[in-house]
Amino acid sequence: MHVIDNEGIFDNIEYMTYICTMIITQEDKFYVAEALELGVVSQGTTIEQAKNNLSEAVALYLEDVKMSPKKLQQQKAPLVSVLKVEYA
């Protein structure tokens, strides 16, 4: 695969896939998306925009931290559950 930019052609770029748990909440006029395992957060004015912005933020984060694929796979998805609390 070749990637062309202003500097020239780069060969042998390896792309990896990372799957994580995402939650989206609405806060005022924005949707806030968070990748739970990584603690990466982004936002957008629509759900789709929040998802796309989070995807870009996660990709940049993963490029920056340079974690090995094995270490990334060891991160466990958080337990998501419902809590019922009775109060007066």
Protein backbone atom coordinates (compact mmCIF):
# COMPACT_ATOMS: atom_id res chain seq x y z
CA MET A 1 0.00 0.00 0.00
CA HIS A 2 1.23 3.51 -0.79
CA VAL A 3 0.33 6.76 0.92
CA ILE A 4 1.17 9.95 -0.94
CA ASP A 5 1.58 13.32 0.75
CA ASN A 6 3.59 16.48 0.15
CA GLU A 7 6.79 14.70 1.19
CA GLY A 8 6.51 11.75 -1.20
CA ILE A 9 5.50 8.09 -1.05
CA PHE A 10 5.64 5.95 2.11
CA ASP A 11 5.71 2.18 1.71
CA ASN A 12 4.74 -0.58 4.10
CA ILE A 13 2.30 1.30 6.28
CA GLU A 14 0.61 -1.22 8.54
CA TYR A 15 -2.94 -0.52 9.62
CA MET A 16 -4.39 -2.16 12.72
CA THR A 17 -7.93 -2.35 14.05
CA TYR A 18 -8.84 -1.49 17.63
CA ILE A 19 -12.32 -2.13 19.03
CA CYS A 20 -13.46 -0.53 22.27
CA THR A 21 -16.59 0.31 24.22
CA MET A 22 -18.12 3.67 23.36
CA ILE A 23 -20.82 5.57 25.19
CA ILE A 24 -22.56 8.70 23.96
CA THR A 25 -24.40 11.13 26.18
CA GLN A 26 -26.15 14.37 25.34
CA GLU A 27 -25.05 17.48 27.18
CA ASP A 28 -26.94 20.63 26.21
CA LYS A 29 -26.54 21.03 22.43
CA PHE A 30 -23.68 18.56 22.12
CA TYR A 31 -23.25 14.80 22.09
CA VAL A 32 -20.24 13.58 24.07
CA ALA A 33 -18.64 10.29 23.02
CA GLU A 34 -16.15 8.41 25.20
CA ALA A 35 -13.96 5.38 24.51
CA LEU A 36 -14.20 3.81 27.95
CA GLU A 37 -11.11 1.61 27.90
CA LEU A 38 -8.86 4.47 26.84
CA GLY A 39 -10.49 7.46 28.54
CA VAL A 40 -10.54 9.34 25.23
CA VAL A 41 -13.44 11.78 24.83
CA SER A 42 -14.74 13.88 21.95
CA GLN A 43 -17.95 15.67 21.03
CA GLY A 44 -20.14 16.77 18.15
CA THR A 45 -23.40 18.49 17.39
CA THR A 46 -24.86 15.20 16.12
CA ILE A 47 -24.41 11.60 17.23
CA GLU A 48 -22.69 10.76 13.94
CA GLN A 49 -20.32 13.71 14.28
CA ALA A 50 -19.48 12.73 17.87
CA LYS A 51 -18.72 9.15 16.72
CA ASN A 52 -16.54 10.35 13.84
CA ASN A 53 -14.70 12.82 16.08
CA LEU A 54 -14.11 10.10 18.68
CA SER A 55 -12.82 7.72 16.02
CA GLU A 56 -10.30 10.34 14.91
CA ALA A 57 -9.31 11.13 18.50
CA VAL A 58 -8.79 7.43 19.31
CA ALA A 59 -6.67 6.94 16.18
CA LEU A 60 -4.49 9.91 17.15
CA TYR A 61 -4.23 8.63 20.72
CA LEU A 62 -3.19 5.15 19.61
CA GLU A 63 -0.59 6.58 17.23
CA ASP A 64 0.79 8.75 20.02
CA VAL A 65 1.02 6.19 22.82
CA LYS A 66 2.57 3.54 20.57
CA MET A 67 1.12 0.73 22.68
CA SER A 68 1.88 -2.74 21.51
CA PRO A 69 -1.10 -4.66 20.08
CA LYS A 70 -0.69 -7.24 22.86
CA LYS A 71 -0.98 -4.57 25.58
CA LEU A 72 -4.04 -3.06 23.89
CA GLN A 73 -5.71 -6.48 23.76
CA GLN A 74 -5.15 -6.93 27.50
CA GLN A 75 -7.31 -3.92 28.33
CA LYS A 76 -10.66 -5.24 29.45
CA ALA A 77 -14.00 -3.70 28.59
CA PRO A 78 -15.64 -2.09 31.60
CA LEU A 79 -18.57 -3.79 33.25
CA VAL A 80 -21.72 -1.89 32.39
CA SER A 81 -24.70 -2.54 34.63
CA VAL A 82 -27.81 -0.96 36.12
CA LEU A 83 -27.90 0.22 39.71
CA LYS A 84 -31.22 0.51 41.51
CA VAL A 85 -31.22 2.83 44.53
CA GLU A 86 -34.20 3.58 46.72
CA TYR A 87 -34.21 6.97 48.37
CA ALA A 88 -36.58 9.29 50.24
